[in-house]
N, C-alpha and C. Protein backbone atom coordinates (compact mmCIF):
# COMPACT_ATOMS: atom_id res chain seq x y z
N MET A 1 -14.65 -1.16 22.39
CA MET A 1 -13.86 -1.32 23.47
C MET A 1 -13.36 0.38 23.90
N GLU A 2 -13.55 0.20 25.28
CA GLU A 2 -13.35 2.04 25.23
C GLU A 2 -11.74 1.80 26.13
N PRO A 3 -10.92 2.91 25.42
CA PRO A 3 -9.64 2.74 26.02
C PRO A 3 -9.64 3.19 27.43
N ARG A 4 -8.59 3.05 28.32
CA ARG A 4 -8.50 3.20 29.68
C ARG A 4 -7.92 4.94 29.42
N SER A 5 -7.60 5.39 29.05
CA SER A 5 -7.65 7.23 28.78
C SER A 5 -8.07 7.49 27.34
N GLY A 6 -8.01 8.78 27.73
CA GLY A 6 -8.57 9.83 26.31
C GLY A 6 -7.19 10.14 25.93
N CYS A 7 -6.00 9.46 26.02
CA CYS A 7 -4.88 9.77 25.10
C CYS A 7 -4.98 9.06 23.85
N PRO A 8 -4.74 9.74 22.72
CA PRO A 8 -4.58 9.11 21.42
C PRO A 8 -3.52 8.18 21.46
N ILE A 9 -2.31 8.70 21.85
CA ILE A 9 -1.11 7.22 21.60
C ILE A 9 -1.82 6.26 22.39
N ASN A 10 -2.56 6.45 23.84
CA ASN A 10 -2.95 5.04 24.63
C ASN A 10 -3.94 4.20 23.77
N ALA A 11 -4.93 4.99 23.32
CA ALA A 11 -5.98 4.27 22.34
C ALA A 11 -5.15 3.99 21.34
N ALA A 12 -4.32 4.32 20.55
CA ALA A 12 -3.81 3.40 19.52
C ALA A 12 -2.70 2.31 20.02
N VAL A 13 -2.12 2.48 20.92
CA VAL A 13 -1.45 1.15 21.62
C VAL A 13 -2.78 0.38 21.95
N GLU A 14 -3.82 0.56 22.51
CA GLU A 14 -4.20 -0.50 23.40
C GLU A 14 -5.28 -1.47 22.07
N LEU A 15 -5.02 -0.78 20.82
CA LEU A 15 -5.68 -1.28 19.39
C LEU A 15 -4.98 -2.17 18.59
N LEU A 16 -4.08 -1.49 18.61
CA LEU A 16 -2.70 -1.92 17.32
C LEU A 16 -1.52 -2.55 18.26
N GLY A 17 -1.42 -2.26 19.87
CA GLY A 17 -0.18 -2.69 20.43
C GLY A 17 0.46 -4.28 20.89
N ASP A 18 -0.94 -5.18 20.77
CA ASP A 18 -0.72 -6.28 20.91
C ASP A 18 0.71 -7.15 19.61
N ARG A 19 0.50 -8.36 20.30
CA ARG A 19 1.55 -8.97 19.49
C ARG A 19 1.28 -9.21 18.13
N TRP A 20 -0.14 -9.32 17.79
CA TRP A 20 -0.35 -9.61 16.81
C TRP A 20 -1.19 -8.87 15.28
N SER A 21 -1.42 -7.89 16.17
CA SER A 21 -2.61 -7.14 15.21
C SER A 21 -2.34 -6.60 13.90
N LEU A 22 -0.91 -5.38 14.40
CA LEU A 22 -0.08 -5.69 13.13
C LEU A 22 0.50 -6.29 12.33
N LEU A 23 0.76 -7.47 12.77
CA LEU A 23 1.09 -8.92 11.59
C LEU A 23 0.01 -8.70 11.06
N VAL A 24 -1.16 -8.99 11.29
CA VAL A 24 -2.26 -9.48 10.71
C VAL A 24 -2.46 -8.09 9.76
N LEU A 25 -2.70 -7.43 10.29
CA LEU A 25 -2.96 -5.64 8.84
C LEU A 25 -1.48 -5.91 8.44
N ARG A 26 -0.57 -6.02 8.10
CA ARG A 26 0.86 -6.47 7.50
C ARG A 26 0.36 -7.46 6.26
N ASP A 27 -0.22 -8.45 6.88
CA ASP A 27 -0.27 -9.51 5.64
C ASP A 27 -1.64 -9.68 4.76
N VAL A 28 -2.58 -8.50 4.94
CA VAL A 28 -3.69 -8.04 4.11
C VAL A 28 -2.99 -6.95 3.57
N ILE A 29 -2.19 -6.16 4.18
CA ILE A 29 -1.67 -4.79 3.20
C ILE A 29 -0.56 -5.61 2.11
N PHE A 30 0.72 -5.88 2.33
CA PHE A 30 1.50 -6.43 1.85
C PHE A 30 0.95 -8.12 1.14
N GLY A 31 0.80 -8.63 1.77
CA GLY A 31 0.79 -10.03 1.15
C GLY A 31 -0.50 -10.23 0.64
N ASP A 32 -1.62 -9.40 0.29
CA ASP A 32 -2.98 -9.57 0.04
C ASP A 32 -3.73 -10.72 0.36
N ARG A 33 -3.34 -10.89 1.48
CA ARG A 33 -3.87 -12.49 2.74
C ARG A 33 -5.78 -11.60 2.90
N ARG A 34 -6.48 -11.91 2.23
CA ARG A 34 -7.86 -11.43 2.65
C ARG A 34 -8.93 -12.33 3.32
N TYR A 35 -8.52 -13.71 3.23
CA TYR A 35 -9.13 -15.00 4.01
C TYR A 35 -8.66 -15.40 4.77
N PHE A 36 -9.43 -16.12 6.04
CA PHE A 36 -9.09 -16.72 6.99
C PHE A 36 -7.73 -17.78 6.83
N ARG A 37 -8.18 -18.53 6.11
CA ARG A 37 -6.73 -19.47 6.01
C ARG A 37 -5.72 -19.19 5.10
N ALA A 38 -5.77 -18.14 4.38
CA ALA A 38 -4.63 -17.13 3.83
C ALA A 38 -3.94 -16.48 4.99
N LEU A 39 -4.67 -16.21 5.46
CA LEU A 39 -3.66 -15.06 6.56
C LEU A 39 -3.01 -16.47 7.89
N LEU A 40 -4.01 -17.47 7.79
CA LEU A 40 -3.38 -18.52 8.89
C LEU A 40 -2.30 -19.45 8.78
N THR A 41 -2.61 -19.68 7.38
CA THR A 41 -1.02 -20.41 6.62
C THR A 41 0.12 -19.11 5.74
N GLY A 42 0.29 -18.25 5.88
CA GLY A 42 0.84 -17.45 5.45
C GLY A 42 2.04 -16.44 6.26
N SER A 43 1.26 -17.20 7.28
CA SER A 43 1.95 -15.56 8.19
C SER A 43 3.47 -16.62 8.71
N ILE A 44 4.46 -16.16 8.61
CA ILE A 44 6.06 -16.79 8.93
C ILE A 44 5.98 -16.85 10.20
N GLU A 45 5.02 -16.07 11.24
CA GLU A 45 5.17 -15.98 12.55
C GLU A 45 4.10 -17.44 13.45
N GLY A 46 3.28 -17.89 12.57
CA GLY A 46 3.08 -19.07 13.20
C GLY A 46 1.80 -18.54 13.88
N ILE A 47 0.74 -18.08 13.80
CA ILE A 47 -0.29 -17.10 14.51
C ILE A 47 -1.40 -18.74 14.94
N ALA A 48 -1.87 -18.57 16.30
CA ALA A 48 -2.81 -19.54 15.98
C ALA A 48 -3.99 -19.54 15.64
N SER A 49 -5.35 -20.33 15.02
CA SER A 49 -6.21 -19.84 14.85
C SER A 49 -7.35 -19.49 15.54
N ASN A 50 -7.09 -19.32 17.03
CA ASN A 50 -7.65 -19.14 18.00
C ASN A 50 -7.27 -17.59 17.81
N ILE A 51 -6.27 -17.19 17.97
CA ILE A 51 -5.88 -15.60 17.79
C ILE A 51 -5.86 -15.00 16.71
N LEU A 52 -5.85 -15.38 15.77
CA LEU A 52 -6.18 -14.77 14.54
C LEU A 52 -7.46 -14.31 14.16
N ALA A 53 -8.61 -15.19 14.90
CA ALA A 53 -10.03 -15.22 14.77
C ALA A 53 -10.30 -14.17 15.85
N ASP A 54 -9.74 -14.11 16.63
CA ASP A 54 -9.94 -12.95 17.94
C ASP A 54 -9.40 -11.50 17.00
N ARG A 55 -7.95 -11.63 16.79
CA ARG A 55 -7.22 -10.65 15.79
C ARG A 55 -8.52 -9.93 15.03
N LEU A 56 -9.05 -10.86 14.15
CA LEU A 56 -9.92 -9.93 12.85
C LEU A 56 -11.04 -9.62 13.36
N LYS A 57 -11.42 -10.38 14.44
CA LYS A 57 -13.00 -9.99 15.01
C LYS A 57 -12.28 -8.14 15.63
N ARG A 58 -11.58 -8.27 16.58
CA ARG A 58 -10.96 -6.97 16.89
C ARG A 58 -10.59 -6.08 16.26
N LEU A 59 -10.28 -6.31 14.90
CA LEU A 59 -9.98 -5.20 13.67
C LEU A 59 -10.91 -4.50 12.93
N VAL A 60 -12.07 -6.04 12.92
CA VAL A 60 -13.25 -5.62 12.45
C VAL A 60 -14.23 -4.52 13.20
N ASP A 61 -14.21 -5.00 14.56
CA ASP A 61 -15.09 -4.17 15.32
C ASP A 61 -14.61 -2.92 15.65
N ALA A 62 -12.66 -2.18 15.52
CA ALA A 62 -12.21 -1.19 15.56
C ALA A 62 -12.37 -0.07 14.38
N GLY A 63 -12.99 -1.14 13.15
CA GLY A 63 -12.95 -0.21 11.82
C GLY A 63 -12.20 0.14 11.08
N LEU A 64 -10.94 -0.98 11.22
CA LEU A 64 -10.00 -1.06 10.37
C LEU A 64 -9.83 -1.74 9.30
N LEU A 65 -10.85 -2.92 9.61
CA LEU A 65 -11.14 -4.08 8.68
C LEU A 65 -12.57 -4.10 8.11
N THR A 66 -13.38 -4.70 7.30
CA THR A 66 -14.52 -5.30 7.35
C THR A 66 -14.43 -6.57 6.86
N ARG A 67 -15.49 -7.49 7.34
CA ARG A 67 -15.84 -8.85 6.58
C ARG A 67 -17.13 -8.65 5.85
N GLY A 68 -16.50 -9.53 4.59
CA GLY A 68 -18.01 -9.53 3.76
C GLY A 68 -18.16 -10.33 4.24
N ALA A 69 -19.92 -10.39 4.03
CA ALA A 69 -21.10 -11.67 4.10
C ALA A 69 -20.26 -12.97 3.34
N ALA A 70 -20.11 -13.83 3.68
CA ALA A 70 -20.08 -14.91 3.39
C ALA A 70 -21.30 -16.02 3.02
N ALA A 71 -21.67 -16.11 1.63
CA ALA A 71 -22.77 -17.20 1.42
C ALA A 71 -22.23 -18.66 1.88
N ARG A 72 -23.46 -19.26 1.97
CA ARG A 72 -23.35 -21.06 1.90
C ARG A 72 -22.27 -21.39 1.68
N GLY A 73 -21.47 -22.09 1.74
CA GLY A 73 -20.16 -22.82 1.33
C GLY A 73 -19.06 -21.68 0.82
N GLN A 74 -19.06 -20.31 1.07
CA GLN A 74 -18.31 -19.63 0.59
C GLN A 74 -17.33 -18.90 1.93
N ARG A 75 -16.10 -18.63 1.78
CA ARG A 75 -15.26 -18.04 2.68
C ARG A 75 -15.75 -16.57 2.68
N ALA A 76 -15.37 -16.02 3.91
CA ALA A 76 -15.46 -14.18 4.25
C ALA A 76 -14.31 -13.78 3.80
N ARG A 77 -14.23 -12.74 3.00
CA ARG A 77 -13.19 -11.60 3.20
C ARG A 77 -13.28 -10.93 3.04
N PHE A 78 -11.84 -10.28 3.91
CA PHE A 78 -11.91 -9.18 4.59
C PHE A 78 -11.05 -8.21 3.98
N SER A 79 -11.39 -6.91 4.14
CA SER A 79 -11.29 -6.04 3.55
C SER A 79 -10.74 -4.52 4.34
N LEU A 80 -9.61 -3.86 3.81
CA LEU A 80 -9.37 -2.74 4.81
C LEU A 80 -9.89 -1.68 4.58
N THR A 81 -10.34 -0.92 5.77
CA THR A 81 -11.36 0.48 5.46
C THR A 81 -10.32 1.39 5.22
N GLU A 82 -10.64 2.82 5.16
CA GLU A 82 -9.41 3.52 5.06
C GLU A 82 -8.63 3.90 6.37
N ALA A 83 -9.72 3.63 7.47
CA ALA A 83 -8.83 3.38 8.85
C ALA A 83 -7.70 2.75 8.91
N GLY A 84 -7.91 1.19 8.12
CA GLY A 84 -7.02 0.82 8.10
C GLY A 84 -5.72 0.61 7.32
N ILE A 85 -6.15 1.33 6.09
CA ILE A 85 -4.81 1.68 5.23
C ILE A 85 -4.23 2.92 5.56
N GLN A 86 -4.93 3.64 6.64
CA GLN A 86 -4.01 4.72 7.08
C GLN A 86 -2.71 3.86 8.28
N THR A 87 -3.34 2.88 8.22
CA THR A 87 -1.90 2.02 9.38
C THR A 87 -0.34 2.03 8.61
N LEU A 88 -0.63 2.08 7.42
CA LEU A 88 0.28 1.64 6.45
C LEU A 88 1.57 2.64 7.14
N PRO A 89 1.33 4.05 7.01
CA PRO A 89 2.68 4.71 7.45
C PRO A 89 2.95 4.48 8.79
N VAL A 90 2.15 3.57 9.88
CA VAL A 90 2.32 3.54 10.90
C VAL A 90 3.37 2.13 10.99
N ILE A 91 2.85 1.09 9.95
CA ILE A 91 3.43 -0.22 10.28
C ILE A 91 5.05 0.11 9.24
N HIS A 92 4.70 1.10 8.44
CA HIS A 92 6.26 1.36 7.52
C HIS A 92 7.10 2.31 8.89
N ALA A 93 6.73 3.07 9.54
CA ALA A 93 7.58 3.61 10.26
C ALA A 93 7.84 2.53 11.30
N LEU A 94 7.11 1.62 12.24
CA LEU A 94 7.87 0.49 12.85
C LEU A 94 9.00 -0.33 12.02
N GLY A 95 8.92 -0.59 10.60
CA GLY A 95 9.70 -1.17 9.90
C GLY A 95 11.16 -0.51 9.69
N ASN A 96 10.87 1.06 10.04
CA ASN A 96 11.97 1.71 9.62
C ASN A 96 12.93 1.54 10.93
N TRP A 97 12.28 1.73 11.92
CA TRP A 97 12.64 1.59 13.18
C TRP A 97 13.31 0.17 13.45
N GLY A 98 12.47 -0.77 13.13
CA GLY A 98 13.16 -2.77 12.97
C GLY A 98 14.44 -2.16 12.02
N LEU A 99 14.77 -1.50 10.91
CA LEU A 99 15.65 -1.84 10.02
C LEU A 99 16.97 -1.34 10.80
N ASP A 100 16.77 -0.22 11.56
CA ASP A 100 17.60 0.53 11.97
C ASP A 100 18.41 -0.23 13.50
N TRP A 101 17.32 -0.99 14.23
CA TRP A 101 17.59 -1.19 15.55
C TRP A 101 17.49 -2.78 16.27
N THR A 102 16.98 -3.62 14.95
CA THR A 102 17.11 -4.91 15.36
C THR A 102 18.10 -5.42 14.25
N ALA A 103 18.14 -6.72 14.53
CA ALA A 103 18.90 -7.50 13.52
C ALA A 103 17.72 -8.34 12.67
N GLY A 104 17.95 -8.55 11.35
CA GLY A 104 17.05 -9.54 10.68
C GLY A 104 17.35 -10.46 9.82
N THR A 105 16.82 -10.62 8.71
CA THR A 105 16.63 -11.64 8.15
C THR A 105 17.10 -11.10 6.57
N PRO A 106 17.86 -10.92 5.94
CA PRO A 106 18.75 -10.05 4.73
C PRO A 106 16.96 -9.68 3.83
N GLY A 107 16.56 -10.98 3.58
CA GLY A 107 15.31 -11.44 2.28
C GLY A 107 14.25 -11.24 3.12
N LEU A 108 14.16 -10.60 4.30
CA LEU A 108 12.89 -10.05 4.83
C LEU A 108 13.27 -8.87 5.04
N ARG A 109 14.16 -8.14 4.75
CA ARG A 109 14.17 -6.65 5.13
C ARG A 109 14.35 -6.38 3.80
N VAL A 110 14.33 -6.78 2.98
CA VAL A 110 14.21 -5.66 1.15
C VAL A 110 12.92 -4.91 1.12
N ARG A 111 11.80 -5.23 1.41
CA ARG A 111 10.84 -4.90 1.35
C ARG A 111 10.95 -3.17 2.03
N GLN A 112 11.04 -3.22 3.24
CA GLN A 112 11.30 -2.45 4.24
C GLN A 112 12.57 -1.18 3.55
N GLU A 113 13.62 -1.59 3.18
CA GLU A 113 14.73 -1.20 2.55
C GLU A 113 14.35 -0.21 1.25
N PHE A 114 12.79 -1.03 0.42
CA PHE A 114 12.92 -0.39 -0.84
C PHE A 114 11.86 0.83 -0.70
N MET A 115 11.07 0.35 0.54
CA MET A 115 9.92 1.55 0.63
C MET A 115 10.70 2.76 1.48
N ARG A 116 11.60 2.35 2.19
CA ARG A 116 12.61 3.90 2.77
C ARG A 116 12.89 4.41 1.87
N ALA A 117 13.97 3.50 0.59
CA ALA A 117 14.88 4.88 -0.28
C ALA A 117 13.44 5.19 -1.18
N ALA A 118 12.12 4.45 -1.58
CA ALA A 118 11.29 5.28 -2.21
C ALA A 118 10.85 6.31 -1.61
N GLY A 119 10.52 6.66 -0.47
CA GLY A 119 9.78 7.86 -0.28
C GLY A 119 8.75 7.64 0.20
N PRO A 120 8.14 9.13 0.89
CA PRO A 120 6.94 9.34 1.23
C PRO A 120 6.00 9.26 -0.14
N ALA A 121 6.20 9.70 -1.22
CA ALA A 121 5.21 9.55 -2.42
C ALA A 121 5.08 8.54 -2.30
N PHE A 122 5.87 6.91 -2.28
CA PHE A 122 5.57 5.60 -2.79
C PHE A 122 4.51 5.35 -1.56
N LEU A 123 4.73 5.73 -0.49
CA LEU A 123 3.75 5.36 0.48
C LEU A 123 1.99 5.85 -0.02
N GLU A 124 2.30 6.61 -0.43
CA GLU A 124 1.20 7.38 -1.09
C GLU A 124 0.29 6.82 -2.18
N ASP A 125 1.59 6.07 -3.20
CA ASP A 125 0.95 5.47 -4.29
C ASP A 125 0.18 3.84 -3.69
N LEU A 126 1.14 3.37 -3.13
CA LEU A 126 0.70 2.22 -2.11
C LEU A 126 -0.47 2.72 -1.68
N MET A 127 -0.79 3.52 -0.73
CA MET A 127 -2.18 3.60 -0.10
C MET A 127 -3.53 3.86 -1.17
N ASP A 128 -3.19 4.45 -2.72
CA ASP A 128 -4.01 4.60 -3.35
C ASP A 128 -4.20 3.29 -3.96
N GLU A 129 -3.48 2.59 -4.12
CA GLU A 129 -3.81 0.87 -4.96
C GLU A 129 -4.67 0.29 -3.78
N LEU A 130 -4.33 0.73 -2.64
CA LEU A 130 -5.24 -0.50 -1.32
C LEU A 130 -6.20 0.16 -1.45
N ARG A 131 -6.51 1.36 -1.69
CA ARG A 131 -7.89 1.73 -1.88
C ARG A 131 -8.94 1.45 -3.15
N VAL A 132 -8.15 1.50 -4.07
CA VAL A 132 -8.37 0.81 -5.40
C VAL A 132 -8.94 -1.11 -4.71
N ARG A 133 -8.01 -2.08 -4.44
CA ARG A 133 -8.10 -3.04 -3.59
C ARG A 133 -9.29 -3.33 -3.09
N HIS A 134 -9.57 -2.25 -2.15
CA HIS A 134 -10.15 -2.77 -1.11
C HIS A 134 -11.55 -2.03 -0.37
N LEU A 135 -11.46 -0.56 -1.31
CA LEU A 135 -12.95 0.26 -1.40
C LEU A 135 -13.34 0.39 -2.86
N GLY A 136 -12.74 -0.19 -3.67
CA GLY A 136 -13.14 -0.22 -5.18
C GLY A 136 -13.37 1.19 -5.34
N ALA A 137 -11.73 2.00 -5.24
CA ALA A 137 -11.61 3.45 -5.83
C ALA A 137 -11.57 3.22 -7.04
N THR A 138 -11.69 4.42 -8.02
CA THR A 138 -11.22 4.18 -9.31
C THR A 138 -9.29 4.49 -9.20
N PRO A 139 -9.13 3.55 -10.19
CA PRO A 139 -7.71 3.53 -10.21
C PRO A 139 -6.79 4.89 -10.68
N LYS A 140 -5.67 5.31 -10.57
CA LYS A 140 -5.08 6.37 -11.21
C LYS A 140 -4.51 5.54 -12.55
N PRO A 141 -4.26 6.71 -13.61
CA PRO A 141 -3.85 6.34 -14.47
C PRO A 141 -2.42 5.92 -14.46
N ALA A 142 -1.73 4.84 -14.71
CA ALA A 142 -0.39 4.86 -14.59
C ALA A 142 0.85 4.60 -15.52
N ALA A 143 1.73 4.90 -15.09
CA ALA A 143 2.91 5.36 -16.33
C ALA A 143 3.73 4.60 -16.47
N GLY A 144 3.46 3.22 -15.78
CA GLY A 144 3.98 2.01 -15.76
C GLY A 144 4.04 1.33 -14.38
N PRO A 145 5.01 0.36 -13.99
CA PRO A 145 4.51 -0.43 -13.16
C PRO A 145 3.80 -0.49 -11.96
N THR A 146 2.81 -0.36 -11.32
CA THR A 146 2.22 -0.40 -10.08
C THR A 146 3.20 0.04 -9.28
N ALA A 147 2.66 0.63 -8.13
CA ALA A 147 3.57 0.72 -6.76
C ALA A 147 4.11 -0.95 -6.28
N PHE A 148 2.82 -1.27 -6.40
CA PHE A 148 2.98 -3.09 -5.44
C PHE A 148 4.00 -3.37 -6.61
N ASP A 149 3.54 -3.44 -7.86
CA ASP A 149 4.27 -4.36 -8.92
C ASP A 149 6.00 -4.04 -8.63
N ARG A 150 6.27 -2.69 -8.13
CA ARG A 150 7.40 -2.44 -7.73
C ARG A 150 8.09 -3.27 -7.15
N LEU A 151 7.43 -3.27 -5.81
CA LEU A 151 7.27 -3.45 -4.25
C LEU A 151 8.28 -4.63 -4.59
N ASN A 152 7.20 -5.56 -5.21
CA ASN A 152 6.92 -7.70 -5.63
C ASN A 152 7.97 -7.42 -5.92
N ALA A 153 8.36 -6.63 -7.06
CA ALA A 153 9.72 -7.31 -7.77
C ALA A 153 10.88 -6.83 -7.37
N ALA A 154 11.15 -5.94 -6.41
CA ALA A 154 12.39 -5.32 -4.94
C ALA A 154 12.43 -6.77 -4.56
N HIS A 155 11.30 -6.83 -3.67
CA HIS A 155 10.89 -7.85 -2.78
C HIS A 155 11.72 -9.47 -3.36
N ALA A 156 11.67 -9.84 -4.72
CA ALA A 156 11.70 -10.80 -5.33
C ALA A 156 13.30 -10.92 -5.95
N ALA A 157 13.63 -9.66 -5.96
CA ALA A 157 15.04 -10.07 -6.58
C ALA A 157 15.92 -9.75 -5.08
N GLY A 158 15.58 -9.22 -4.24
CA GLY A 158 16.62 -9.43 -3.19
C GLY A 158 16.24 -10.90 -2.28
N SER A 159 15.39 -11.09 -2.56
CA SER A 159 15.08 -12.22 -1.44
C SER A 159 15.52 -13.58 -2.24
N GLY A 160 15.68 -13.20 -3.32
CA GLY A 160 15.68 -14.64 -4.19
C GLY A 160 14.14 -15.58 -4.61
N GLU A 161 13.39 -15.22 -4.36
CA GLU A 161 12.09 -15.61 -4.21
C GLU A 161 11.90 -15.24 -6.17
N ALA A 162 11.24 -16.33 -6.92
CA ALA A 162 10.20 -15.90 -8.19
C ALA A 162 9.33 -15.15 -7.78
N GLY A 163 9.42 -14.44 -9.25
CA GLY A 163 7.78 -14.18 -8.82
C GLY A 163 8.16 -12.65 -8.53
């Protein structure tokens, strides 16, 4: 897909600025939903199957996701590329704007509030963990709970969810 102009903001908006692409990436990143069915049923926004299929194809074609080869009877697994991992700061910035300028459900704001309070080093840790999960990178030695463990614990404590 060729952007309408050579402006990098335009190119990014054309790729990521539709109603669903960033939400699909959010669910892959934070929900570790890597299969079509998990993405379809796990989205609280209720994405339609044809829209999800289109967005996954677009994200793969754009180089933000890869689609694993599915053997007969198996499901294809989607993985983030480095470019996909690098959308985390963009998603984080949008979430911070949402915290400041939109109303929301307190239980759904918890993760964003935690990430904001944890600071930029925490985002780097999350991206490192995504590289391990999606790109097969070697994990860094941990001196305690992982960044995702901390994030999920904060979410569970703040939203009333177990786990």
